Amino acid sequence: MKSTSRPPWVDHSRHMRQRTLGIAIHLLAFVGLAALYYVGFSLFFDTPLEYSLKRTNVVLQREYDRLSQRLDTLDRVLVNVAARDRNIFRILFEAEPYDFGKEESNKLNAHENLLSMSNKQLGRLFVDEGMSGFEKRLAAMAAVDARLKEQIATYGDYLNYIPAIQPVVNQDLTLLTASYGMRIQPFYKHLTSHQGVDYTVPEGSRVFATADGVASEVIERSTSFGKCLIIDHSNGYKTEFHHLSRIDVVKGQRVRRGDIIALSGNTGLSFAPHLHYEVQYKGMRVDPVHYFFMELSPEQYERIMTIARSGMQSFD
């Protein structure tokens, strides 16, 4: 009868496999527990690297906010300098009238370009290029502003003889109803050149001298202009006031800016009570709206230009 007992080496090999399998199972369990521990720890606590990155982000955010505030400050300064510069250009007559439509179109195009940029491009634009561009423009405009102020200082009292205010009280800017340019003539209903501005003011409203000068012509009766007054400012400028009800100065009398020189009316070829006001420079009639710079802010100038463009019919 044969023996069924296994050799000792078989049992030893089986024992080694079981032991190896147990070690592998324990190792896998340890790795799994370590992974779970790491994941759970990460959910509630920052690693040293994450903590360092967060601190860096906080510092960068503070620096970005500081630079943004500086950019905003520079932008406000530039706006103020630009407004003063435009006013000075008006005084020296070296600037063209504003093109507001073009400015709005440029703003819209710039906004669309910003929307198409990535965050990296925006950061480079506003922090690097923006800061450099603002500072260069600010320095250039400040230099121009300083030069113009020096030129203005050399004029002295000459500026008192340049028409620089409105001829009537028009604080809300709504009284100006017909501007310089091609307008519909109220009597013949066709386009004609309107070489001044019309103010719809009640008959008997005060009319002011817009600059220092001398009353060169006092016309008591004219078929077209009615009572009419012309002031010569002795520097190439003349101002005319038409359709008056009363003239309070005589020919040759000197007047100063702000003096009451007449009362408005409805005389001559006039459709309704109003004042027609003109500015001449070296014999050429120019747009009086550009000569209200002494009493209008840039925002008010933009508004009165919009109002002036909206009226198409004159009153004379």
Protein backbone atom coordinates (compact mmCIF):
# COMPACT_ATOMS: atom_id res chain seq x y z
CA MET A 1 0.00 0.00 0.00
CA LYS A 2 1.44 3.44 -1.14
CA SER A 3 1.82 6.37 1.32
CA THR A 4 -0.35 9.59 0.53
CA SER A 5 1.74 12.06 2.57
CA ARG A 6 3.12 15.13 0.64
CA PRO A 7 6.75 16.01 0.55
CA PRO A 8 7.92 18.66 3.03
CA TRP A 9 9.03 21.05 0.25
CA VAL A 10 5.44 21.27 -1.05
CA ASP A 11 4.13 22.46 2.33
CA HIS A 12 6.99 24.93 2.61
CA SER A 13 6.24 26.45 -0.81
CA ARG A 14 2.55 26.76 -0.01
CA HIS A 15 3.38 28.45 3.26
CA MET A 16 5.64 30.96 1.52
CA ARG A 17 2.90 31.89 -1.00
CA GLN A 18 0.39 32.47 1.76
CA ARG A 19 2.88 34.57 3.68
CA THR A 20 3.72 36.65 0.58
CA LEU A 21 0.03 37.15 -0.17
CA GLY A 22 -0.59 38.31 3.40
CA ILE A 23 2.28 40.79 3.22
CA ALA A 24 0.95 42.15 -0.11
CA ILE A 25 -2.56 42.52 1.32
CA HIS A 26 -1.21 44.39 4.36
CA LEU A 27 0.93 46.60 2.15
CA LEU A 28 -2.01 47.47 -0.09
CA ALA A 29 -4.16 48.18 2.95
CA PHE A 30 -1.45 50.47 4.35
CA VAL A 31 -1.12 52.33 1.05
CA GLY A 32 -4.91 52.71 0.84
CA LEU A 33 -5.13 54.03 4.40
CA ALA A 34 -2.25 56.43 3.72
CA ALA A 35 -4.02 57.73 0.60
CA LEU A 36 -7.30 58.17 2.48
CA TYR A 37 -5.46 59.96 5.27
CA TYR A 38 -3.75 62.30 2.79
CA VAL A 39 -7.02 63.07 1.01
CA GLY A 40 -8.84 63.70 4.26
CA PHE A 41 -6.02 65.85 5.61
CA SER A 42 -5.93 67.91 2.42
CA LEU A 43 -9.64 68.68 2.69
CA PHE A 44 -9.29 70.35 6.08
CA PHE A 45 -5.65 71.49 6.26
CA ASP A 46 -3.22 73.17 3.83
CA THR A 47 0.06 71.63 2.98
CA PRO A 48 3.15 73.86 3.42
CA LEU A 49 3.25 74.39 -0.35
CA GLU A 50 -0.45 75.32 -0.53
CA TYR A 51 -0.08 77.66 2.45
CA SER A 52 2.89 79.38 0.79
CA LEU A 53 1.00 79.78 -2.51
CA LYS A 54 -2.03 81.25 -0.75
CA ARG A 55 0.13 83.76 1.08
CA THR A 56 1.76 84.71 -2.23
CA ASN A 57 -1.66 85.16 -3.85
CA VAL A 58 -2.77 87.47 -1.02
CA VAL A 59 0.35 89.62 -1.49
CA LEU A 60 -0.15 89.74 -5.26
CA GLN A 61 -3.82 90.70 -4.85
CA ARG A 62 -2.89 93.56 -2.52
CA GLU A 63 -0.25 94.77 -4.98
CA TYR A 64 -2.75 94.54 -7.85
CA ASP A 65 -5.33 96.56 -5.88
CA ARG A 66 -2.68 99.17 -5.07
CA LEU A 67 -1.67 99.49 -8.72
CA SER A 68 -5.32 99.69 -9.79
CA GLN A 69 -5.92 102.55 -7.37
CA ARG A 70 -2.84 104.33 -8.69
CA LEU A 71 -4.05 103.87 -12.26
CA ASP A 72 -7.46 105.29 -11.32
CA THR A 73 -5.79 108.30 -9.72
CA LEU A 74 -3.63 108.90 -12.78
CA ASP A 75 -6.68 108.57 -15.01
CA ARG A 76 -8.59 111.22 -13.02
CA VAL A 77 -5.57 113.53 -13.14
CA LEU A 78 -5.32 113.03 -16.91
CA VAL A 79 -9.01 113.85 -17.35
CA ASN A 80 -8.62 117.09 -15.35
CA VAL A 81 -5.45 118.08 -17.22
CA ALA A 82 -7.12 117.32 -20.56
CA ALA A 83 -10.15 119.44 -19.62
CA ARG A 84 -7.95 122.40 -18.66
CA ASP A 85 -5.89 121.92 -21.80
CA ARG A 86 -8.98 122.00 -24.02
CA ASN A 87 -10.19 125.18 -22.30
CA ILE A 88 -6.83 126.84 -22.88
CA PHE A 89 -6.86 125.78 -26.52
CA ARG A 90 -10.25 127.41 -26.89
CA ILE A 91 -8.83 130.64 -25.46
CA LEU A 92 -5.96 130.66 -27.92
CA PHE A 93 -8.15 129.31 -30.79
CA GLU A 94 -5.79 126.51 -31.63
CA ALA A 95 -8.23 123.59 -31.33
CA GLU A 96 -11.03 122.29 -33.51
CA PRO A 97 -14.54 121.80 -32.03
CA TYR A 98 -15.15 118.48 -30.36
CA ASP A 99 -16.20 115.45 -32.41
CA PHE A 100 -18.35 113.74 -29.76
CA GLY A 101 -19.59 111.02 -32.11
CA LYS A 102 -16.04 109.98 -32.89
CA GLU A 103 -15.14 109.92 -29.20
CA GLU A 104 -18.08 107.62 -28.42
CA SER A 105 -17.15 105.32 -31.32
CA ASN A 106 -13.56 105.11 -30.08
CA LYS A 107 -14.78 104.23 -26.58
CA LEU A 108 -16.99 101.44 -27.96
CA ASN A 109 -14.16 99.98 -30.05
CA ALA A 110 -11.80 100.08 -27.07
CA HIS A 111 -14.38 98.28 -24.91
CA GLU A 112 -14.81 95.52 -27.51
CA ASN A 113 -11.04 95.06 -27.74
CA LEU A 114 -10.83 94.65 -23.97
CA LEU A 115 -13.52 91.94 -24.00
CA SER A 116 -11.51 89.92 -26.53
CA MET A 117 -8.31 89.92 -24.44
CA SER A 118 -7.17 87.15 -22.09
CA ASN A 119 -6.49 87.79 -18.41
CA LYS A 120 -2.76 87.74 -19.10
CA GLN A 121 -3.10 90.31 -21.86
CA LEU A 122 -5.31 92.52 -19.70
CA GLY A 123 -2.79 92.38 -16.89
CA ARG A 124 0.04 93.35 -19.22
CA LEU A 125 -2.06 96.14 -20.73
CA PHE A 126 -3.24 97.77 -17.51
CA VAL A 127 -0.27 97.15 -15.24
CA ASP A 128 2.71 97.41 -17.58
CA GLU A 129 1.78 99.29 -20.75
CA GLY A 130 -1.05 101.23 -19.10
CA MET A 131 1.11 102.63 -16.32
CA SER A 132 3.90 103.62 -18.70
CA GLY A 133 1.49 105.19 -21.18
CA PHE A 134 -0.38 107.16 -18.52
CA GLU A 135 2.79 108.57 -17.03
CA LYS A 136 4.16 109.61 -20.45
CA ARG A 137 0.88 111.26 -21.46
CA LEU A 138 0.60 113.00 -18.12
CA ALA A 139 4.12 114.40 -18.42
CA ALA A 140 3.51 115.55 -22.01
CA MET A 141 0.18 117.22 -21.22
CA ALA A 142 1.61 118.87 -18.12
CA ALA A 143 4.40 120.34 -20.26
CA VAL A 144 1.88 121.63 -22.83
CA ASP A 145 -0.28 123.05 -20.04
CA ALA A 146 2.72 124.89 -18.57
CA ARG A 147 3.70 126.34 -21.95
CA LEU A 148 0.18 127.54 -22.67
CA LYS A 149 -0.11 129.15 -19.25
CA GLU A 150 3.10 131.04 -19.95
CA GLN A 151 1.69 132.24 -23.27
CA ILE A 152 -1.58 133.30 -21.64
CA ALA A 153 0.31 135.25 -18.98
CA THR A 154 1.95 137.31 -21.72
CA TYR A 155 -1.44 138.43 -23.01
CA GLY A 156 -2.34 140.29 -19.82
CA ASP A 157 -5.62 142.22 -20.15
CA TYR A 158 -5.92 141.18 -23.80
CA LEU A 159 -8.18 138.30 -22.74
CA ASN A 160 -10.69 140.81 -21.36
CA TYR A 161 -11.38 141.88 -24.96
CA ILE A 162 -12.20 138.37 -26.22
CA PRO A 163 -15.92 137.42 -26.07
CA ALA A 164 -16.06 134.70 -23.43
CA ILE A 165 -19.54 134.55 -21.84
CA GLN A 166 -23.15 134.19 -22.96
CA PRO A 167 -25.02 137.45 -23.64
CA VAL A 168 -28.03 136.43 -21.50
CA VAL A 169 -28.61 134.52 -18.27
CA ASN A 170 -28.80 130.89 -19.40
CA GLN A 171 -27.69 128.78 -16.45
CA ASP A 172 -29.66 125.67 -17.45
CA LEU A 173 -28.46 126.07 -21.10
CA THR A 174 -31.95 125.48 -22.54
CA LEU A 175 -32.58 129.00 -23.93
CA LEU A 176 -30.29 128.55 -26.94
CA THR A 177 -32.59 127.23 -29.66
CA ALA A 178 -30.88 127.95 -32.99
CA SER A 179 -27.15 127.67 -33.58
CA TYR A 180 -24.62 128.78 -36.17
CA GLY A 181 -24.92 127.09 -39.59
CA MET A 182 -27.55 126.21 -42.17
CA ARG A 183 -30.99 126.67 -40.61
CA ILE A 184 -34.60 126.93 -41.81
CA GLN A 185 -35.65 130.56 -42.25
CA PRO A 186 -39.02 130.98 -40.44
CA PHE A 187 -40.63 133.32 -42.96
CA TYR A 188 -39.59 131.77 -46.28
CA LYS A 189 -39.21 128.16 -45.04
CA HIS A 190 -35.94 127.39 -46.80
CA LEU A 191 -32.42 126.65 -45.63
CA THR A 192 -30.23 129.70 -45.24
CA SER A 193 -26.97 130.55 -43.52
CA HIS A 194 -27.61 131.49 -39.88
CA GLN A 195 -24.46 133.31 -38.79
CA GLY A 196 -25.17 133.59 -35.09
CA VAL A 197 -27.18 131.99 -32.29
CA ASP A 198 -30.74 132.66 -31.12
CA TYR A 199 -31.85 132.78 -27.49
CA THR A 200 -35.59 132.47 -26.85
CA VAL A 201 -35.85 134.92 -23.96
CA PRO A 202 -38.87 137.02 -22.96
CA GLU A 203 -39.05 140.55 -24.28
CA GLY A 204 -37.22 142.90 -21.91
CA SER A 205 -34.62 140.35 -20.73
CA ARG A 206 -31.21 141.78 -19.83
CA VAL A 207 -28.46 141.61 -22.46
CA PHE A 208 -24.81 141.68 -21.34
CA ALA A 209 -21.56 142.70 -22.99
CA THR A 210 -19.52 139.56 -23.52
CA ALA A 211 -16.14 141.35 -23.47
CA ASP A 212 -14.65 144.80 -22.94
CA GLY A 213 -15.01 147.17 -25.88
CA VAL A 214 -16.64 150.25 -27.39
CA ALA A 215 -20.17 150.62 -28.78
CA SER A 216 -19.25 151.26 -32.42
CA GLU A 217 -22.75 151.23 -33.94
CA VAL A 218 -26.16 151.87 -32.38
CA ILE A 219 -28.94 151.23 -34.88
CA GLU A 220 -32.39 152.24 -33.67
CA ARG A 221 -34.30 150.93 -36.67
CA SER A 222 -33.48 148.29 -39.26
CA THR A 223 -35.93 146.38 -41.43
CA SER A 224 -34.16 143.07 -40.84
CA PHE A 225 -32.37 143.49 -37.49
CA GLY A 226 -34.70 145.92 -35.69
CA LYS A 227 -32.86 147.71 -32.90
CA CYS A 228 -29.25 146.59 -33.26
CA LEU A 229 -26.03 147.14 -31.31
CA ILE A 230 -22.47 146.40 -32.44
CA ILE A 231 -19.52 146.44 -30.03
CA ASP A 232 -15.94 146.70 -31.30
CA HIS A 233 -13.41 144.99 -29.03
CA SER A 234 -10.37 146.54 -30.81
CA ASN A 235 -8.57 143.23 -31.37
CA GLY A 236 -10.28 141.95 -34.49
CA TYR A 237 -13.39 140.92 -32.57
CA LYS A 238 -16.85 142.44 -32.87
CA THR A 239 -20.13 141.30 -31.32
CA GLU A 240 -23.63 142.05 -32.62
CA PHE A 241 -26.98 142.03 -30.81
CA HIS A 242 -30.18 142.09 -32.94
CA HIS A 243 -33.96 142.53 -32.37
CA LEU A 244 -33.54 144.55 -29.15
CA SER A 245 -36.37 146.40 -27.47
CA ARG A 246 -34.06 148.98 -25.88
CA ILE A 247 -30.39 149.96 -26.16
CA ASP A 248 -28.81 151.31 -22.97
CA VAL A 249 -25.50 152.60 -24.39
CA VAL A 250 -24.61 155.33 -26.86
CA LYS A 251 -22.17 155.26 -29.74
CA GLY A 252 -18.58 155.58 -28.55
CA GLN A 253 -19.36 154.48 -24.98
CA ARG A 254 -16.91 152.03 -23.41
CA VAL A 255 -18.35 148.87 -21.86
CA ARG A 256 -16.92 146.07 -19.76
CA ARG A 257 -17.70 142.37 -19.81
CA GLY A 258 -20.90 141.75 -17.84
CA ASP A 259 -22.33 145.28 -18.24
CA ILE A 260 -26.03 145.47 -19.10
CA ILE A 261 -26.05 147.07 -22.55
CA ALA A 262 -29.63 146.46 -23.79
CA LEU A 263 -32.92 144.63 -23.34
CA SER A 264 -34.06 141.86 -25.67
CA GLY A 265 -37.12 142.32 -27.86
CA ASN A 266 -38.97 141.37 -31.00
CA THR A 267 -38.10 144.20 -33.40
CA GLY A 268 -37.29 143.91 -37.09
CA LEU A 269 -37.77 140.68 -39.04
CA SER A 270 -38.32 138.50 -35.99
CA PHE A 271 -40.56 135.44 -35.71
CA ALA A 272 -40.91 135.66 -31.90
CA PRO A 273 -39.24 137.46 -28.97
CA HIS A 274 -35.61 136.44 -28.91
CA LEU A 275 -32.01 137.69 -29.01
CA HIS A 276 -29.82 137.09 -32.04
CA TYR A 277 -26.13 137.17 -31.09
CA GLU A 278 -23.11 137.11 -33.43
CA VAL A 279 -19.33 137.06 -33.03
CA GLN A 280 -17.01 138.35 -35.77
CA TYR A 281 -13.25 137.85 -35.95
CA LYS A 282 -11.34 139.89 -38.53
CA GLY A 283 -14.50 140.33 -40.59
CA MET A 284 -15.50 136.66 -40.53
CA ARG A 285 -18.55 135.51 -38.57
CA VAL A 286 -17.67 132.54 -36.33
CA ASP A 287 -19.70 130.19 -34.14
CA PRO A 288 -20.43 132.03 -30.86
CA VAL A 289 -20.84 128.76 -28.92
CA HIS A 290 -17.06 128.29 -28.99
CA TYR A 291 -16.72 131.60 -27.10
CA PHE A 292 -18.58 130.68 -23.91
CA PHE A 293 -15.50 129.06 -22.32
CA MET A 294 -15.29 131.42 -19.34
CA GLU A 295 -18.59 130.31 -17.80
CA LEU A 296 -18.98 126.72 -19.11
CA SER A 297 -17.32 123.57 -17.83
CA PRO A 298 -16.28 120.91 -20.38
CA GLU A 299 -19.44 118.95 -19.54
CA GLN A 300 -21.66 122.02 -20.00
CA TYR A 301 -19.90 122.85 -23.28
CA GLU A 302 -20.62 119.34 -24.55
CA ARG A 303 -24.27 119.70 -23.50
CA ILE A 304 -24.80 123.11 -25.13
CA MET A 305 -23.19 121.82 -28.33
CA THR A 306 -25.71 118.96 -28.35
CA ILE A 307 -28.58 121.38 -27.73
CA ALA A 308 -27.35 123.72 -30.47
CA ARG A 309 -27.17 120.92 -33.04
CA SER A 310 -30.74 119.82 -32.28
CA GLY A 311 -32.43 123.09 -33.40
CA MET A 312 -33.01 123.45 -37.14
CA GLN A 313 -35.17 126.63 -37.37
CA SER A 314 -33.97 130.12 -36.60
CA PHE A 315 -36.17 132.96 -35.31
CA ASP A 316 -35.03 135.60 -37.84
